[in-house]
Amino acid sequence: MAENQYGKQNPQEQFEQPDQQQSDQIPHPGRTGDMQDQPDHGEDSYQGTGRLTGKRAIITGGDSGIGRAVAIAFAREGADVLIAYLPDEEEDAQQTVQLVEKAGRKAVAVPGDIREEAHCTAIVERAVSELGGLDILVNNAAYQMAQPGGITDITTEQFDRVLKTNLYAMFWLSKAAVPHLQPGSTIINTASIQAYQSSPELLDYATTKAGIVAFTKALGASLAEKGIRVNAVAPGPIWTPLIPATMPEEKVESFGEQVPMKRAGQPAELAPAYVFFASQESSYVTGEVLGVTGGQPLS
């Protein structure tokens, strides 16, 4: 059997377990350049086939990690892309812009804080204005900060930040986007295995991810009559800047080893799931959650 585009057939060997020995925890929100072992976003491997030709997409958290991988894949499939990101992530964002433009597509970069409803509305307005419309909304940006002591260590400030970033922003962006979406458009949310197998140290984050699953199912049912589909991707342990920026060193060192594949996933391995949900190949799928977890069951 011929090898796939990554050079390996065995999924356990397709990517090596990242070398996760960081001298110090990198500062949040985490930048790709600060990582000792940088993620694979599909820069050298993703090959598009025109499945999203002429589409216009918003990707929150599009500067790095999963968001960057999705931006690369969407652009190589023929979509123009707006990426939303925190101002502190400007360097990563500009690298993503260059990758989108290298694929021959338009890239719009919008810094700001999605914890503000006005900014969420502005993101949608920028997409409609500068891309000429909107066909795909990817609610991907998220915040987490592991607290080994569980609920007693989670401050109200942190709880508020997690819910605003992960849930409120998804609600505001989706609400602002729906009036601009035509039949055939899609909303794709990033859930997590944490929605189903919740870690005590990520209590607040897991709570929001479970909320995203419920939101996806309800909104999918609500918008089906408009011809708009809503689905979610639930990643398992994926190697992104968020991991060394928000988890204790001992957790980072063994990150991903608990799943059957015995390794952390790479953002490049997530992108095809988003392309599937964004394309007409999934035309009869809505309100669903696709797990990309290295073999760890969602339930």
Protein backbone atom coordinates (compact mmCIF):
# COMPACT_ATOMS: atom_id res chain seq x y z
CA MET A 1 0.00 0.00 0.00
CA ALA A 2 1.32 3.44 -0.91
CA GLU A 3 2.20 5.80 1.89
CA ASN A 4 -0.11 8.75 2.52
CA GLN A 5 0.85 12.40 2.07
CA TYR A 6 2.48 12.46 5.51
CA GLY A 7 4.81 9.58 4.63
CA LYS A 8 3.37 7.12 7.17
CA GLN A 9 0.48 4.63 7.09
CA ASN A 10 0.51 3.70 10.77
CA PRO A 11 -1.34 6.51 12.60
CA GLN A 12 0.71 5.87 15.72
CA GLU A 13 3.82 6.76 13.72
CA GLN A 14 2.42 9.45 11.42
CA PHE A 15 3.65 12.09 13.86
CA GLU A 16 6.13 11.66 16.67
CA GLN A 17 5.14 12.49 20.22
CA PRO A 18 6.19 16.15 20.65
CA ASP A 19 9.33 16.89 22.63
CA GLN A 20 7.53 18.75 25.35
CA GLN A 21 10.40 19.64 27.63
CA GLN A 22 10.03 23.41 28.05
CA SER A 23 12.57 25.25 30.18
CA ASP A 24 9.75 27.42 31.50
CA GLN A 25 6.00 27.60 31.00
CA ILE A 26 5.45 29.93 28.07
CA PRO A 27 3.22 32.94 28.78
CA HIS A 28 -0.45 32.86 27.89
CA PRO A 29 -1.90 33.08 25.26
CA GLY A 30 1.11 31.21 23.95
CA ARG A 31 2.92 31.90 20.71
CA THR A 32 4.08 29.29 18.24
CA GLY A 33 7.59 30.73 18.16
CA ASP A 34 7.97 30.19 21.91
CA MET A 35 7.42 26.44 21.60
CA GLN A 36 10.46 24.19 21.63
CA ASP A 37 8.69 21.66 19.41
CA GLN A 38 6.37 23.58 17.08
CA PRO A 39 3.09 22.06 15.83
CA ASP A 40 2.43 20.83 12.30
CA HIS A 41 -0.40 22.86 10.79
CA GLY A 42 -0.29 21.16 7.41
CA GLU A 43 1.99 23.79 5.88
CA ASP A 44 3.85 21.15 3.85
CA SER A 45 1.19 18.45 3.61
CA TYR A 46 -2.35 19.73 3.10
CA GLN A 47 -3.43 19.50 -0.52
CA GLY A 48 -6.73 21.11 -1.51
CA THR A 49 -9.12 19.88 -4.18
CA GLY A 50 -11.41 22.90 -4.57
CA ARG A 51 -14.08 21.78 -2.14
CA LEU A 52 -14.61 25.33 -0.79
CA THR A 53 -14.07 27.36 -3.96
CA GLY A 54 -15.52 30.85 -3.61
CA LYS A 55 -16.54 30.44 0.05
CA ARG A 56 -15.97 33.12 2.69
CA ALA A 57 -15.02 32.05 6.22
CA ILE A 58 -14.47 33.46 9.70
CA ILE A 59 -12.13 31.52 11.98
CA THR A 60 -11.74 32.70 15.57
CA GLY A 61 -8.42 31.82 17.16
CA GLY A 62 -7.15 31.59 13.60
CA ASP A 63 -3.63 32.77 14.38
CA SER A 64 -2.19 29.48 15.61
CA GLY A 65 -2.89 25.87 16.53
CA ILE A 66 -6.10 24.35 15.23
CA GLY A 67 -7.27 27.69 13.87
CA ARG A 68 -4.15 28.11 11.73
CA ALA A 69 -4.47 24.56 10.39
CA VAL A 70 -8.10 25.21 9.45
CA ALA A 71 -7.19 28.52 7.79
CA ILE A 72 -4.52 26.80 5.68
CA ALA A 73 -6.89 24.00 4.68
CA PHE A 74 -9.78 26.34 3.86
CA ALA A 75 -7.53 28.56 1.73
CA ARG A 76 -6.10 25.62 -0.18
CA GLU A 77 -9.66 24.42 -0.76
CA GLY A 78 -10.48 27.79 -2.32
CA ALA A 79 -11.95 29.91 0.51
CA ASP A 80 -11.14 33.47 1.53
CA VAL A 81 -10.54 33.73 5.27
CA LEU A 82 -10.93 36.24 8.10
CA ILE A 83 -9.01 35.30 11.24
CA ALA A 84 -9.86 36.79 14.64
CA TYR A 85 -7.28 36.72 17.41
CA LEU A 86 -5.97 38.48 20.51
CA PRO A 87 -3.67 41.49 19.90
CA ASP A 88 -0.84 39.69 21.75
CA GLU A 89 -0.87 37.07 18.98
CA GLU A 90 -0.07 39.47 16.12
CA GLU A 91 3.13 37.68 15.06
CA ASP A 92 1.36 34.34 14.74
CA ALA A 93 -1.59 35.98 13.00
CA GLN A 94 0.61 37.54 10.32
CA GLN A 95 2.24 34.18 9.65
CA THR A 96 -1.22 32.68 9.11
CA VAL A 97 -2.14 35.57 6.81
CA GLN A 98 0.95 34.86 4.72
CA LEU A 99 0.04 31.18 4.45
CA VAL A 100 -3.50 32.01 3.31
CA GLU A 101 -2.24 34.52 0.76
CA LYS A 102 0.39 32.05 -0.48
CA ALA A 103 -2.52 29.74 -1.33
CA GLY A 104 -3.88 32.52 -3.54
CA ARG A 105 -6.77 33.53 -1.29
CA LYS A 106 -7.69 36.74 0.51
CA ALA A 107 -6.85 37.02 4.21
CA VAL A 108 -8.30 39.54 6.66
CA ALA A 109 -6.77 39.84 10.13
CA VAL A 110 -8.92 41.25 12.94
CA PRO A 111 -7.32 41.60 16.40
CA GLY A 112 -9.44 42.12 19.49
CA ASP A 113 -11.15 40.47 22.44
CA ILE A 114 -14.17 38.30 21.65
CA ARG A 115 -15.32 38.66 25.27
CA GLU A 116 -16.88 41.91 24.04
CA GLU A 117 -20.17 41.59 22.16
CA ALA A 118 -19.45 44.68 20.06
CA HIS A 119 -16.20 43.14 18.83
CA CYS A 120 -17.97 39.92 17.85
CA THR A 121 -20.48 41.92 15.84
CA ALA A 122 -17.64 43.87 14.23
CA ILE A 123 -15.89 40.64 13.18
CA VAL A 124 -18.97 39.55 11.24
CA GLU A 125 -19.41 43.00 9.71
CA ARG A 126 -15.76 43.03 8.58
CA ALA A 127 -16.18 39.64 6.93
CA VAL A 128 -19.31 40.68 5.08
CA SER A 129 -17.70 43.95 3.98
CA GLU A 130 -14.20 42.79 3.08
CA LEU A 131 -14.90 39.25 1.87
CA GLY A 132 -18.17 40.15 0.17
CA GLY A 133 -20.31 37.89 2.33
CA LEU A 134 -20.14 34.99 4.74
CA ASP A 135 -20.59 31.25 4.20
CA ILE A 136 -18.68 29.61 7.06
CA LEU A 137 -18.29 30.54 10.73
CA VAL A 138 -15.76 28.57 12.77
CA ASN A 139 -16.10 29.27 16.50
CA ASN A 140 -12.71 27.96 17.53
CA ALA A 141 -11.11 30.42 20.00
CA ALA A 142 -11.04 29.22 23.59
CA TYR A 143 -9.44 29.93 26.94
CA GLN A 144 -8.37 27.42 29.57
CA MET A 145 -6.14 27.52 32.62
CA ALA A 146 -5.63 24.30 34.53
CA GLN A 147 -6.10 24.52 38.30
CA PRO A 148 -4.78 21.41 40.10
CA GLY A 149 -6.87 22.23 43.18
CA GLY A 150 -10.10 22.11 41.19
CA ILE A 151 -13.05 24.29 42.10
CA THR A 152 -11.43 25.86 45.16
CA ASP A 153 -8.62 27.27 42.98
CA ILE A 154 -10.86 28.64 40.22
CA THR A 155 -11.47 32.32 40.81
CA THR A 156 -14.61 34.11 39.73
CA GLU A 157 -12.42 36.15 37.38
CA GLN A 158 -11.12 33.01 35.67
CA PHE A 159 -14.58 31.42 35.51
CA ASP A 160 -15.94 34.58 33.92
CA ARG A 161 -13.11 34.68 31.37
CA VAL A 162 -13.57 31.04 30.37
CA LEU A 163 -17.33 31.38 29.92
CA LYS A 164 -17.10 34.69 28.07
CA THR A 165 -14.44 33.41 25.67
CA ASN A 166 -15.81 29.93 25.06
CA LEU A 167 -19.59 30.37 25.29
CA TYR A 168 -20.68 34.00 25.14
CA ALA A 169 -18.51 34.74 22.10
CA MET A 170 -19.87 31.71 20.25
CA PHE A 171 -23.40 32.92 20.97
CA TRP A 172 -22.68 36.52 19.92
CA LEU A 173 -20.83 35.54 16.74
CA SER A 174 -23.46 33.03 15.69
CA LYS A 175 -26.28 35.48 16.38
CA ALA A 176 -24.56 38.17 14.32
CA ALA A 177 -23.70 35.75 11.50
CA VAL A 178 -27.05 34.02 10.96
CA PRO A 179 -28.75 36.96 9.16
CA HIS A 180 -25.93 36.88 6.59
CA LEU A 181 -25.87 33.12 6.02
CA GLN A 182 -27.59 31.69 2.95
CA PRO A 183 -28.79 28.10 2.47
CA GLY A 184 -25.73 25.87 2.23
CA SER A 185 -23.81 27.88 4.81
CA THR A 186 -22.32 26.27 7.88
CA ILE A 187 -21.35 26.99 11.48
CA ILE A 188 -18.63 24.79 12.97
CA ASN A 189 -17.86 24.88 16.69
CA THR A 190 -14.80 23.50 18.45
CA ALA A 191 -15.94 21.32 21.34
CA SER A 192 -13.59 18.92 23.16
CA ILE A 193 -13.32 15.47 24.62
CA GLN A 194 -13.51 17.41 27.91
CA ALA A 195 -17.26 17.75 27.29
CA TYR A 196 -17.56 13.99 27.79
CA GLN A 197 -14.55 13.01 29.92
CA SER A 198 -13.97 16.05 32.12
CA SER A 199 -10.73 16.61 34.02
CA PRO A 200 -11.11 18.05 37.55
CA GLU A 201 -8.38 20.64 36.93
CA LEU A 202 -10.28 21.88 33.86
CA LEU A 203 -13.70 22.03 35.50
CA ASP A 204 -14.67 25.43 34.08
CA TYR A 205 -13.28 24.69 30.60
CA ALA A 206 -15.02 21.30 30.48
CA THR A 207 -18.29 22.96 31.51
CA THR A 208 -18.09 25.32 28.53
CA LYS A 209 -17.24 22.53 26.12
CA ALA A 210 -20.29 20.57 27.24
CA GLY A 211 -22.28 23.75 26.65
CA ILE A 212 -20.88 23.96 23.12
CA VAL A 213 -22.15 20.45 22.39
CA ALA A 214 -25.66 21.38 23.59
CA PHE A 215 -25.53 24.68 21.67
CA THR A 216 -24.51 22.86 18.50
CA LYS A 217 -27.36 20.38 18.70
CA ALA A 218 -30.00 23.00 19.48
CA LEU A 219 -28.83 25.51 16.88
CA GLY A 220 -28.47 22.77 14.27
CA ALA A 221 -32.10 21.79 14.77
CA SER A 222 -33.20 25.43 14.76
CA LEU A 223 -31.44 26.42 11.53
CA ALA A 224 -32.10 23.27 9.51
CA GLU A 225 -35.23 24.83 7.97
CA LYS A 226 -33.05 27.69 6.69
CA GLY A 227 -30.64 25.29 5.03
CA ILE A 228 -27.86 26.22 7.45
CA ARG A 229 -25.97 23.38 9.09
CA VAL A 230 -24.31 23.49 12.53
CA ASN A 231 -21.79 20.88 13.66
CA ALA A 232 -18.86 20.54 16.06
CA VAL A 233 -15.44 18.97 16.11
CA ALA A 234 -14.33 17.54 19.46
CA PRO A 235 -10.53 17.34 19.63
CA GLY A 236 -8.66 15.16 22.02
CA PRO A 237 -5.14 16.13 23.16
CA ILE A 238 -3.80 18.36 20.37
CA TRP A 239 -0.35 19.97 20.48
CA THR A 240 -0.90 23.75 20.31
CA PRO A 241 0.61 26.79 22.08
CA LEU A 242 -2.29 26.70 24.54
CA ILE A 243 -0.93 23.51 26.13
CA PRO A 244 2.47 24.65 27.45
CA ALA A 245 0.95 28.07 28.21
CA THR A 246 -1.86 26.81 30.46
CA MET A 247 -0.92 23.41 31.91
CA PRO A 248 1.50 22.38 34.68
CA GLU A 249 4.90 21.16 33.46
CA GLU A 250 4.28 17.58 34.59
CA LYS A 251 1.03 17.43 32.60
CA VAL A 252 2.71 18.90 29.52
CA GLU A 253 5.45 16.26 29.59
CA SER A 254 2.95 13.39 29.31
CA PHE A 255 0.36 15.23 27.21
CA GLY A 256 -1.46 12.83 24.88
CA GLU A 257 0.12 9.62 26.12
CA GLN A 258 -3.16 8.49 27.72
CA VAL A 259 -5.05 7.94 24.45
CA PRO A 260 -4.88 4.67 22.48
CA MET A 261 -2.62 6.27 19.85
CA LYS A 262 -0.16 7.02 22.68
CA ARG A 263 0.66 10.50 21.39
CA ALA A 264 -0.67 14.02 21.10
CA GLY A 265 -2.38 14.93 17.86
CA GLN A 266 -1.19 17.68 15.54
CA PRO A 267 -3.40 20.55 14.30
CA ALA A 268 -2.94 19.25 10.75
CA GLU A 269 -4.88 16.15 11.76
CA LEU A 270 -7.90 18.27 12.76
CA ALA A 271 -8.24 20.38 9.62
CA PRO A 272 -9.88 17.72 7.40
CA ALA A 273 -12.77 17.41 9.87
CA TYR A 274 -13.52 21.13 9.53
CA VAL A 275 -13.28 20.92 5.74
CA PHE A 276 -15.75 18.03 5.79
CA PHE A 277 -18.30 20.00 7.81
CA ALA A 278 -17.75 23.14 5.70
CA SER A 279 -18.23 21.37 2.38
CA GLN A 280 -21.26 19.88 0.67
CA GLU A 281 -19.85 16.44 1.37
CA SER A 282 -21.60 16.69 4.76
CA SER A 283 -24.86 18.08 3.33
CA TYR A 284 -27.00 15.61 5.32
CA VAL A 285 -25.19 16.17 8.61
CA THR A 286 -26.22 18.75 11.19
CA GLY A 287 -26.24 18.93 14.98
CA GLU A 288 -23.45 16.35 15.15
CA VAL A 289 -20.12 16.13 16.97
CA LEU A 290 -17.11 14.49 15.33
CA GLY A 291 -14.44 13.31 17.72
CA VAL A 292 -10.79 13.55 16.66
CA THR A 293 -9.28 12.08 19.78
CA GLY A 294 -6.58 9.53 18.99
CA GLY A 295 -8.98 6.72 19.80
CA GLN A 296 -10.31 8.01 23.12
CA PRO A 297 -14.11 7.47 23.16
CA LEU A 298 -16.25 10.57 23.52
CA SER A 299 -18.69 8.78 25.82
